[in-house]
Structure formats: structure tokens, C-alpha cells
N, C-alpha and C. Protein backbone atom coordinates (compact mmCIF):
# COMPACT_ATOMS: atom_id res chain seq x y z
N MET A 1 118.61 72.36 95.79
CA MET A 1 118.84 73.52 94.97
C MET A 1 118.81 74.71 95.84
N ASP A 2 119.63 75.68 95.61
CA ASP A 2 119.68 76.94 96.32
C ASP A 2 119.86 78.12 95.35
N ILE A 3 119.51 79.25 95.63
CA ILE A 3 119.62 80.39 94.73
C ILE A 3 120.40 81.49 95.49
N GLY A 4 121.42 82.06 94.84
CA GLY A 4 122.23 83.03 95.47
C GLY A 4 121.60 84.43 95.20
N ASN A 5 122.15 85.40 95.90
CA ASN A 5 121.67 86.76 95.74
C ASN A 5 121.83 87.20 94.27
N ARG A 6 122.98 86.99 93.74
CA ARG A 6 123.28 87.43 92.33
C ARG A 6 122.40 86.68 91.34
N ASP A 7 122.11 85.40 91.61
CA ASP A 7 121.24 84.65 90.71
C ASP A 7 119.85 85.20 90.73
N PHE A 8 119.38 85.53 91.93
CA PHE A 8 118.02 86.02 92.11
C PHE A 8 117.90 87.46 91.35
N VAL A 9 118.84 88.27 91.57
CA VAL A 9 118.88 89.54 90.82
C VAL A 9 118.79 89.34 89.30
N GLN A 10 119.61 88.45 88.79
CA GLN A 10 119.63 88.22 87.36
C GLN A 10 118.23 87.65 86.91
N LEU A 11 117.60 86.80 87.74
CA LEU A 11 116.29 86.28 87.44
C LEU A 11 115.31 87.36 87.35
N VAL A 12 115.25 88.23 88.30
CA VAL A 12 114.38 89.38 88.29
C VAL A 12 114.57 90.24 86.97
N LYS A 13 115.80 90.54 86.72
CA LYS A 13 116.15 91.31 85.53
C LYS A 13 115.63 90.63 84.26
N ARG A 14 115.90 89.36 84.14
CA ARG A 14 115.48 88.63 82.91
C ARG A 14 113.91 88.57 82.88
N THR A 15 113.26 88.44 84.03
CA THR A 15 111.79 88.32 84.04
C THR A 15 111.19 89.65 83.64
N ARG A 16 111.78 90.74 84.10
CA ARG A 16 111.32 92.12 83.77
C ARG A 16 111.42 92.39 82.22
N GLU A 17 112.57 91.96 81.68
CA GLU A 17 112.79 92.11 80.27
C GLU A 17 111.83 91.34 79.46
N LYS A 18 111.72 90.03 79.81
CA LYS A 18 110.85 89.16 78.99
C LYS A 18 109.43 89.57 79.08
N PHE A 19 108.85 89.87 80.26
CA PHE A 19 107.44 90.22 80.29
C PHE A 19 107.10 91.66 80.38
N GLY A 20 108.15 92.56 80.42
CA GLY A 20 107.86 93.95 80.36
C GLY A 20 107.13 94.46 81.63
N VAL A 21 107.54 93.90 82.81
CA VAL A 21 106.87 94.26 84.08
C VAL A 21 107.85 95.04 85.03
N SER A 22 107.25 95.55 86.08
CA SER A 22 108.03 96.23 87.17
C SER A 22 108.77 95.21 87.99
N ILE A 23 109.55 95.73 88.99
CA ILE A 23 110.23 94.82 89.88
C ILE A 23 109.20 93.96 90.62
N ASP A 24 108.17 94.72 91.14
CA ASP A 24 107.16 94.05 91.91
C ASP A 24 106.43 92.97 91.03
N GLY A 25 106.19 93.34 89.81
CA GLY A 25 105.52 92.45 88.85
C GLY A 25 106.42 91.18 88.60
N ALA A 26 107.69 91.40 88.47
CA ALA A 26 108.59 90.26 88.30
C ALA A 26 108.62 89.33 89.58
N HIS A 27 108.65 89.98 90.74
CA HIS A 27 108.52 89.21 91.99
C HIS A 27 107.27 88.37 91.97
N ASP A 28 106.13 89.00 91.59
CA ASP A 28 104.89 88.25 91.55
C ASP A 28 104.91 87.04 90.66
N LEU A 29 105.50 87.23 89.52
CA LEU A 29 105.65 86.10 88.56
C LEU A 29 106.62 84.99 89.07
N ILE A 30 107.68 85.35 89.62
CA ILE A 30 108.57 84.48 90.20
C ILE A 30 108.07 83.66 91.41
N PHE A 31 107.39 84.42 92.31
CA PHE A 31 106.88 83.82 93.58
C PHE A 31 105.70 82.91 93.29
N ALA A 32 105.07 83.14 92.20
CA ALA A 32 103.91 82.28 91.81
C ALA A 32 104.28 80.86 91.55
N ASP A 33 105.51 80.65 91.17
CA ASP A 33 106.12 79.29 91.01
C ASP A 33 106.33 78.66 92.40
N GLU A 34 105.73 77.54 92.60
CA GLU A 34 105.76 76.88 93.90
C GLU A 34 107.21 76.62 94.40
N GLU A 35 108.03 76.07 93.52
CA GLU A 35 109.40 75.79 93.90
C GLU A 35 110.24 76.98 94.21
N MET A 36 110.06 78.06 93.39
CA MET A 36 110.83 79.26 93.62
C MET A 36 110.30 79.88 94.95
N GLY A 37 109.02 79.84 95.20
CA GLY A 37 108.45 80.35 96.49
C GLY A 37 109.01 79.70 97.64
N ARG A 38 109.17 78.38 97.62
CA ARG A 38 109.86 77.70 98.72
C ARG A 38 111.33 78.04 98.89
N LEU A 39 112.06 78.23 97.75
CA LEU A 39 113.47 78.66 97.77
C LEU A 39 113.60 80.01 98.38
N VAL A 40 112.72 80.88 97.94
CA VAL A 40 112.79 82.24 98.45
C VAL A 40 112.46 82.27 99.94
N ALA A 41 111.47 81.59 100.32
CA ALA A 41 111.00 81.59 101.76
C ALA A 41 112.14 81.03 102.62
N ARG A 42 112.78 80.00 102.21
CA ARG A 42 113.94 79.45 102.93
C ARG A 42 115.08 80.50 103.08
N ARG A 43 115.39 81.11 101.92
CA ARG A 43 116.42 82.11 101.95
C ARG A 43 116.13 83.18 102.77
N ILE A 44 114.92 83.71 102.80
CA ILE A 44 114.51 84.95 103.64
C ILE A 44 114.72 84.58 105.06
N ASN A 45 114.54 83.42 105.50
CA ASN A 45 114.61 83.00 106.92
C ASN A 45 116.09 82.60 107.35
N HIS A 46 116.94 82.40 106.29
CA HIS A 46 118.32 81.93 106.64
C HIS A 46 119.43 82.85 106.15
N ASN A 47 119.03 83.84 105.43
CA ASN A 47 120.10 84.76 104.87
C ASN A 47 119.80 86.21 105.48
N PRO A 48 120.67 86.69 106.24
CA PRO A 48 120.49 87.99 106.89
C PRO A 48 120.13 89.07 105.90
N GLU A 49 120.76 89.21 104.75
CA GLU A 49 120.47 90.29 103.89
C GLU A 49 119.03 90.11 103.29
N CYS A 50 118.64 88.87 102.92
CA CYS A 50 117.31 88.65 102.40
C CYS A 50 116.25 88.97 103.48
N ARG A 51 116.54 88.54 104.74
CA ARG A 51 115.63 88.83 105.81
C ARG A 51 115.45 90.29 105.97
N LYS A 52 116.48 91.06 105.94
CA LYS A 52 116.48 92.51 106.03
C LYS A 52 115.60 93.08 104.99
N GLN A 53 115.77 92.63 103.83
CA GLN A 53 114.96 93.26 102.71
C GLN A 53 113.45 92.88 102.83
N ALA A 54 113.13 91.70 103.27
CA ALA A 54 111.78 91.30 103.51
C ALA A 54 111.17 92.13 104.64
N LEU A 55 111.95 92.33 105.71
CA LEU A 55 111.39 93.20 106.86
C LEU A 55 111.20 94.64 106.39
N ARG A 56 112.15 95.10 105.54
CA ARG A 56 111.98 96.47 105.00
C ARG A 56 110.67 96.57 104.16
N ASP A 57 110.43 95.48 103.34
CA ASP A 57 109.12 95.43 102.63
C ASP A 57 107.91 95.51 103.53
N ILE A 58 107.96 94.77 104.54
CA ILE A 58 106.80 94.67 105.56
C ILE A 58 106.66 96.10 106.13
N ARG A 59 107.69 96.80 106.52
CA ARG A 59 107.61 98.09 107.10
C ARG A 59 107.14 99.14 106.10
N LYS A 60 107.57 99.05 104.83
CA LYS A 60 107.16 100.03 103.87
C LYS A 60 105.81 99.85 103.36
N LYS A 61 105.36 98.58 103.11
CA LYS A 61 104.07 98.35 102.51
C LYS A 61 102.97 97.88 103.52
N GLY A 62 103.40 97.55 104.70
CA GLY A 62 102.37 97.15 105.65
C GLY A 62 101.56 95.97 105.20
N ASP A 63 100.18 96.16 105.24
CA ASP A 63 99.34 95.03 104.89
C ASP A 63 99.33 94.76 103.35
N ARG A 64 99.95 95.61 102.59
CA ARG A 64 100.10 95.28 101.14
C ARG A 64 101.38 94.52 100.85
N SER A 65 102.19 94.25 101.84
CA SER A 65 103.38 93.50 101.67
C SER A 65 103.07 92.07 101.34
N ARG A 66 103.86 91.39 100.60
CA ARG A 66 103.54 89.94 100.22
C ARG A 66 104.09 89.08 101.37
N PHE A 67 104.75 89.74 102.39
CA PHE A 67 105.36 88.91 103.55
C PHE A 67 104.63 89.33 104.84
N ILE A 68 104.70 88.40 105.76
CA ILE A 68 104.26 88.65 107.06
C ILE A 68 105.16 87.98 108.08
N GLU A 69 105.35 88.53 109.23
CA GLU A 69 106.28 88.01 110.24
C GLU A 69 105.39 87.30 111.33
N ILE A 70 105.60 86.05 111.49
CA ILE A 70 104.85 85.26 112.50
C ILE A 70 105.89 84.45 113.40
N ASP A 71 105.85 84.69 114.65
CA ASP A 71 106.79 83.96 115.46
C ASP A 71 108.19 84.01 115.09
N ASP A 72 108.67 85.21 114.79
CA ASP A 72 110.01 85.48 114.30
C ASP A 72 110.43 84.77 112.95
N LYS A 73 109.47 84.34 112.21
CA LYS A 73 109.73 83.75 110.92
C LYS A 73 108.98 84.58 109.89
N ILE A 74 109.52 84.81 108.74
CA ILE A 74 108.85 85.55 107.71
C ILE A 74 108.27 84.59 106.70
N ARG A 75 107.02 84.84 106.42
CA ARG A 75 106.25 83.88 105.51
C ARG A 75 105.58 84.74 104.43
N PHE A 76 105.18 84.02 103.44
CA PHE A 76 104.40 84.75 102.35
C PHE A 76 102.99 84.87 102.91
N ARG A 77 102.45 86.04 102.71
CA ARG A 77 101.06 86.32 103.18
C ARG A 77 100.10 85.46 102.32
N ALA A 78 99.15 84.86 103.03
CA ALA A 78 98.26 83.95 102.26
C ALA A 78 97.16 84.78 101.50
């Protein structure tokens, strides 16, 4: 299974509407699902646009980012 950019954007929109949360709140809910977390992690490291967005999140939020870069790979912060 793979998830495309458009699919992910729609998932975030639907999650926000259903739970009445912010974009970050929707991401938290989505990434809490183990399978979605794996799909997103793979996509971040194989899709240039996703990687760019994750790196932007790291730069913007620093230690508060949900991502961390280790050995040129982006991973979810533990």
C-alpha cells in the first residue's frame, strides 16, 4: 500500500473535520496509527517533496518537531 500526496492531504482534511483539530492535531492522530506511521516514514525518505516538508518542519520547530534526521534519514522522534 502507498499513499499519494493528494490522498494524504484529503486524509488530513477529513481528520480535521471529523475531530475538530488543527493540522498538527490531525497529523498527531494520523501518525499515531502504526501502519500510517510506516507509510509516512517511507514516503518522507523516498519522495523529495515530502522530505522537503519534513526538513522544513525540523528547521521551524527544532526539538519540538515530530521528526529527526539521523544519518541522512528522517525518522519520527521517539
